[in-house]
Protein backbone atom coordinates (compact mmCIF):
# COMPACT_ATOMS: atom_id res chain seq x y z
CA MET A 1 180.25 -98.26 75.84
CA THR A 2 182.37 -97.24 73.43
CA ALA A 3 183.02 -93.39 73.88
CA PRO A 4 183.42 -90.95 70.70
CA ARG A 5 186.62 -89.68 70.58
CA ASP A 6 187.87 -85.87 71.63
CA ASN A 7 187.84 -84.46 68.39
CA ASP A 8 184.19 -85.22 67.31
CA SER A 9 183.15 -83.85 70.63
CA ASP A 10 182.52 -80.06 68.48
CA VAL A 11 181.03 -81.56 65.87
CA ALA A 12 178.84 -84.02 67.88
CA ALA A 13 177.84 -81.27 70.06
CA GLU A 14 177.11 -78.80 67.33
CA GLY A 15 175.19 -81.50 65.67
CA ASP A 16 172.69 -81.20 69.09
CA VAL A 17 172.09 -77.65 68.22
CA ALA A 18 171.74 -77.50 64.54
CA ALA A 19 169.25 -80.37 64.98
CA GLY A 20 167.34 -78.76 67.27
CA ALA A 21 166.97 -75.68 65.13
CA ALA A 22 166.60 -77.89 61.70
CA ASP A 23 163.87 -79.97 62.99
CA GLY A 24 161.35 -77.44 64.90
CA ALA A 25 158.47 -78.01 66.59
CA SER A 26 157.25 -81.19 64.99
CA HIS A 27 160.85 -83.52 66.57
CA ARG A 28 161.20 -81.36 69.92
CA PRO A 29 161.55 -84.68 72.08
CA THR A 30 158.50 -85.47 74.34
CA TYR A 31 159.27 -85.53 78.34
CA SER A 32 157.06 -86.49 80.72
CA THR A 33 158.50 -87.21 84.22
CA LEU A 34 161.40 -84.74 86.15
CA SER A 35 163.00 -86.34 88.79
CA VAL A 36 164.91 -83.74 91.25
CA ILE A 37 167.68 -85.04 93.49
CA MET A 38 168.64 -83.22 95.99
CA PRO A 39 171.34 -83.97 98.68
CA VAL A 40 170.61 -83.52 102.44
CA PHE A 41 173.29 -82.90 105.66
CA ASN A 42 172.37 -80.96 108.12
CA GLU A 43 170.23 -78.54 106.63
CA ARG A 44 166.78 -78.96 109.42
CA SER A 45 166.28 -75.15 109.55
CA THR A 46 165.72 -74.97 105.37
CA VAL A 47 164.79 -78.22 104.15
CA ALA A 48 161.28 -77.96 104.64
CA GLU A 49 160.86 -74.75 103.05
CA ILE A 50 162.74 -75.95 99.74
CA VAL A 51 160.38 -78.65 99.55
CA ARG A 52 157.55 -76.57 100.27
CA ARG A 53 158.87 -74.41 97.48
CA MET A 54 159.75 -77.06 95.02
CA ARG A 55 156.14 -78.91 95.22
CA ALA A 56 154.64 -75.50 94.88
CA VAL A 57 156.32 -74.59 91.33
CA GLU A 58 153.98 -75.00 88.34
CA ILE A 59 155.62 -77.07 84.93
CA PRO A 60 154.51 -79.25 82.72
CA LEU A 61 155.52 -83.00 84.14
CA VAL A 62 155.09 -84.76 86.84
CA LEU A 63 156.99 -84.73 89.63
CA GLN A 64 159.34 -87.08 91.30
CA LEU A 65 161.71 -86.25 94.34
CA VAL A 66 164.42 -88.04 95.53
CA VAL A 67 165.60 -86.88 98.99
CA VAL A 68 169.00 -88.53 100.31
CA ASP A 69 169.97 -87.81 103.20
CA ASP A 70 173.39 -87.96 103.59
CA GLY A 71 174.18 -88.63 107.90
CA SER A 72 172.76 -86.19 109.34
CA SER A 73 172.61 -85.53 113.05
CA ASP A 74 171.32 -82.33 113.34
CA GLY A 75 167.40 -83.54 112.88
CA SER A 76 166.78 -82.94 109.23
CA GLU A 77 166.08 -86.37 108.98
CA LYS A 78 163.12 -86.57 111.86
CA VAL A 79 161.99 -83.72 109.26
CA LEU A 80 162.33 -85.46 105.93
CA GLY A 81 160.67 -88.10 107.75
CA ALA A 82 157.63 -86.22 108.27
CA LEU A 83 157.44 -84.69 104.08
CA GLU A 84 157.74 -88.17 102.70
CA ASP A 85 154.53 -89.05 100.86
CA SER A 86 153.91 -90.17 97.37
CA THR A 87 156.42 -87.27 95.60
CA VAL A 88 159.04 -87.27 97.63
CA ARG A 89 161.29 -90.25 98.30
CA VAL A 90 163.46 -89.83 101.15
CA ILE A 91 166.59 -92.52 101.22
CA THR A 92 169.14 -92.60 103.77
CA HIS A 93 172.89 -92.73 104.57
CA HIS A 94 173.77 -93.22 107.94
CA GLU A 95 176.82 -92.18 107.57
CA ASN A 96 178.00 -88.63 105.83
CA GLN A 97 179.60 -89.70 102.27
CA GLY A 98 179.31 -86.78 100.80
CA LYS A 99 177.38 -84.42 97.94
CA GLY A 100 178.92 -86.60 94.59
CA ALA A 101 177.79 -89.88 96.19
CA ALA A 102 174.68 -88.47 97.64
CA ILE A 103 173.73 -87.86 93.86
CA ARG A 104 174.87 -90.80 92.94
CA THR A 105 172.55 -93.00 94.79
CA GLY A 106 170.09 -90.10 93.93
CA LEU A 107 170.61 -91.23 90.09
CA ALA A 108 170.45 -94.53 90.83
CA ALA A 109 167.14 -94.17 92.18
CA ALA A 110 165.26 -91.36 90.08
CA THR A 111 163.40 -93.13 87.59
CA GLY A 112 162.32 -89.18 85.53
CA ASP A 113 163.66 -88.38 81.57
CA LEU A 114 164.68 -85.52 82.73
CA ILE A 115 167.03 -85.19 86.32
CA LEU A 116 167.49 -82.14 87.62
CA ILE A 117 169.79 -80.84 91.10
CA GLN A 118 168.72 -78.70 93.61
CA ASP A 119 170.96 -78.54 97.13
CA ALA A 120 168.84 -78.12 100.27
CA ASP A 121 169.70 -74.52 101.64
CA LEU A 122 167.99 -72.57 99.34
CA GLU A 123 170.78 -70.98 97.53
CA TYR A 124 168.97 -71.67 94.29
CA ASP A 125 165.32 -70.68 93.86
CA PRO A 126 163.35 -73.79 92.10
CA ASP A 127 161.89 -70.91 91.16
CA ASP A 128 164.39 -71.05 88.04
CA TRP A 129 162.84 -74.41 87.19
CA PRO A 130 160.70 -72.88 84.26
CA ARG A 131 163.93 -71.13 82.99
CA LEU A 132 166.36 -73.89 83.11
CA LEU A 133 163.60 -76.15 80.97
CA ASP A 134 162.00 -74.01 78.42
CA PRO A 135 165.82 -74.51 76.21
CA ILE A 136 164.97 -78.42 76.89
CA LEU A 137 162.00 -78.75 76.21
CA LYS A 138 162.31 -76.59 72.54
CA GLY A 139 164.82 -78.89 71.70
CA LYS A 140 167.72 -77.33 72.09
CA ALA A 141 170.16 -78.28 74.33
CA ARG A 142 170.08 -82.11 76.35
CA VAL A 143 172.01 -80.39 79.14
CA VAL A 144 171.55 -77.12 81.14
CA TYR A 145 173.29 -75.46 83.56
CA GLY A 146 171.75 -72.48 85.35
CA SER A 147 174.49 -69.54 85.97
CA ARG A 148 175.04 -67.43 88.70
CA PHE A 149 177.04 -64.75 87.09
CA THR A 150 174.70 -63.94 84.59
CA GLY A 151 171.54 -63.61 86.48
CA GLU A 152 170.44 -61.42 89.84
CA ARG A 153 172.43 -62.54 92.51
CA LYS A 154 173.28 -61.63 96.38
CA ASN A 155 177.55 -60.83 95.60
CA MET A 156 179.92 -63.39 96.41
CA LEU A 157 182.77 -62.77 98.45
CA PRO A 158 185.94 -62.02 96.45
CA LEU A 159 187.77 -65.43 97.36
CA HIS A 160 184.50 -67.89 96.39
CA TRP A 161 183.78 -65.10 93.32
CA PHE A 162 187.56 -66.43 92.09
CA ALA A 163 187.69 -69.57 92.62
CA ASN A 164 184.37 -69.87 90.73
CA ARG A 165 186.02 -67.90 88.44
CA MET A 166 188.54 -70.08 87.99
CA LEU A 167 187.49 -73.18 87.75
CA SER A 168 184.76 -71.85 84.86
CA PHE A 169 187.94 -70.76 82.40
CA THR A 170 190.11 -73.68 83.59
CA THR A 171 187.03 -75.69 82.15
CA ASN A 172 186.90 -73.71 79.01
CA LEU A 173 190.70 -73.95 78.49
CA LEU A 174 190.82 -78.12 78.50
CA TYR A 175 187.28 -78.84 76.93
CA ARG A 176 186.96 -76.03 74.25
CA SER A 177 183.73 -74.69 76.15
CA THR A 178 182.64 -71.06 76.93
CA LEU A 179 180.67 -71.93 80.00
CA SER A 180 180.30 -68.80 82.84
CA ASP A 181 179.06 -70.91 85.92
CA MET A 182 180.81 -74.53 85.88
CA GLU A 183 180.50 -75.36 89.87
CA THR A 184 176.62 -74.47 89.49
CA CYS A 185 174.33 -76.75 91.49
CA TYR A 186 171.70 -76.66 88.57
CA LYS A 187 172.29 -78.89 86.32
CA LEU A 188 169.78 -80.55 84.24
CA PHE A 189 169.78 -83.11 82.15
CA ASP A 190 168.44 -85.08 79.72
CA ALA A 191 168.60 -88.71 81.04
CA LYS A 192 169.97 -90.65 78.17
CA ALA A 193 172.41 -87.99 77.77
CA ILE A 194 173.99 -88.71 81.20
CA GLU A 195 172.59 -92.86 80.61
CA GLY A 196 175.42 -95.32 81.43
CA LEU A 197 177.63 -92.24 82.89
CA THR A 198 179.78 -93.31 86.12
CA ILE A 199 180.00 -90.97 88.08
CA VAL A 200 183.33 -91.77 90.41
CA SER A 201 183.51 -88.64 92.85
CA ASN A 202 182.20 -88.46 96.04
CA ARG A 203 182.22 -84.70 97.34
CA PHE A 204 182.03 -81.25 95.61
CA ASP A 205 183.92 -82.69 92.85
CA PHE A 206 181.18 -84.17 91.36
CA GLU A 207 180.82 -81.18 89.75
CA PRO A 208 183.38 -81.05 87.30
CA GLU A 209 183.07 -84.58 86.80
CA ILE A 210 179.87 -84.51 85.64
CA THR A 211 180.81 -81.90 83.55
CA ALA A 212 183.67 -83.06 81.96
CA LYS A 213 182.02 -86.74 81.40
CA VAL A 214 178.92 -84.27 79.55
CA LEU A 215 181.39 -82.24 77.18
CA ARG A 216 183.30 -85.14 76.05
CA ARG A 217 180.75 -87.26 75.04
CA GLY A 218 180.04 -84.45 72.79
CA HIS A 219 176.89 -82.26 74.43
CA ARG A 220 176.99 -78.56 74.46
CA ILE A 221 175.83 -77.21 77.99
CA TYR A 222 173.14 -74.72 77.23
CA GLU A 223 173.27 -71.84 79.96
CA VAL A 224 170.52 -69.74 81.50
CA PRO A 225 170.37 -67.27 84.42
CA ILE A 226 169.85 -67.78 87.06
CA SER A 227 169.30 -66.58 90.57
CA TYR A 228 171.43 -66.80 93.76
CA ALA A 229 171.17 -66.46 97.12
CA GLY A 230 174.48 -67.36 98.72
CA ARG A 231 176.07 -68.23 102.07
CA GLU A 232 178.98 -68.02 103.75
CA VAL A 233 180.87 -69.96 106.47
CA ASP A 234 179.23 -68.67 109.25
CA GLU A 235 175.37 -69.09 107.24
CA GLY A 236 176.50 -73.13 106.99
CA LYS A 237 177.80 -73.02 103.88
CA LYS A 238 179.88 -76.47 103.22
CA ILE A 239 181.84 -75.78 100.96
CA THR A 240 185.51 -74.53 101.10
CA TRP A 241 188.64 -73.51 99.83
CA ARG A 242 190.28 -76.71 99.62
CA ASP A 243 187.34 -78.09 97.31
CA GLY A 244 188.41 -75.28 95.04
CA PHE A 245 192.03 -77.60 95.03
CA THR A 246 190.36 -80.96 94.42
CA ALA A 247 187.99 -79.59 91.61
CA LEU A 248 191.11 -78.48 89.79
CA ALA A 249 191.95 -81.68 89.74
CA ALA A 250 189.67 -83.39 89.08
CA LEU A 251 189.03 -81.35 85.42
CA VAL A 252 192.79 -82.19 84.93
CA ARG A 253 192.26 -86.17 85.66
CA PHE A 254 188.79 -86.45 83.78
CA ARG A 255 190.08 -84.70 80.46
CA PHE A 256 192.26 -87.48 80.85
CA SER A 257 189.99 -90.13 81.24
CA LYS A 258 189.60 -93.15 79.27
CA GLU A 259 185.74 -93.52 80.85
CA TYR A 260 183.03 -91.16 79.97
C-alpha cells in the first residue's frame, strides 16, 4: 500500500466530512455487522456482566463479539467458556501478551464492516454504543472515539487526569488534530478505514499507535461524549504511570514511521 503524504492528510480528512454532508442520506454507507473486540485478562468478577450488557444493547446491526482471553489465570477462562455461543467467539492466548496483542488477534478474527473496541472491566458502558454508531451510520465519519472528558463520568485521580490530557495534547500537536481523549477505549472504525493497517504494539501503546496511523491516513476522528466509571489500581486497574511514558514515545515514533 502506498500511504498518502502527511501534507495531504488535512485535505483528505476534510473530504471525508464534506462528502458525507454533501451526499446526503441517499449516499450514506451501508453497514450490516458490528464486530466488538474485547481483550480479557483476569476479569472474572466483571466479564459475565459486561457480556450480558453487550448482548442487551439494541442496535440496527448484526452483532459479533470477539473475546480474546489474554492468558487469564483467575478463572476468567472458565466463565468465558460458559458464555461462548453463536454470537460470542472466545479466542485464547495461553500466555499474557498485552492489550495490543489481544486486539491484533481479535482484528484477524473480526468479520464485521464496523469494528469497536470494548474493555471487560465495566469502566465503559455498552449503552453508549448507539451514540458512537450514530455519526458513522449517518455518513458523518468513518472513525469515532468516545470521549470521557465531555460526558458523565466518575472523576479520575489527578495523575490519571493529567496523563490523559497530556497525551491528547501531544497527539494534537504532532498530528494536527483536536482530540480531547486519545487514550479512550471506545474506538469505532469503518473496517475499510483500517484495512491493511498493521498493529505492532503489544501493550497499552496500541491506543497511540492506532490513533497515529488513522490520522496519518487522513481520517478526521469524530468524538462523542460517553459515560465513564473509572477504576483505580486497588480496584483492579492495570495501566500505570509507566504506560504513559510508553504512549508518549509511541506518539513520537509513529509520527515519523514510514508505515501507516
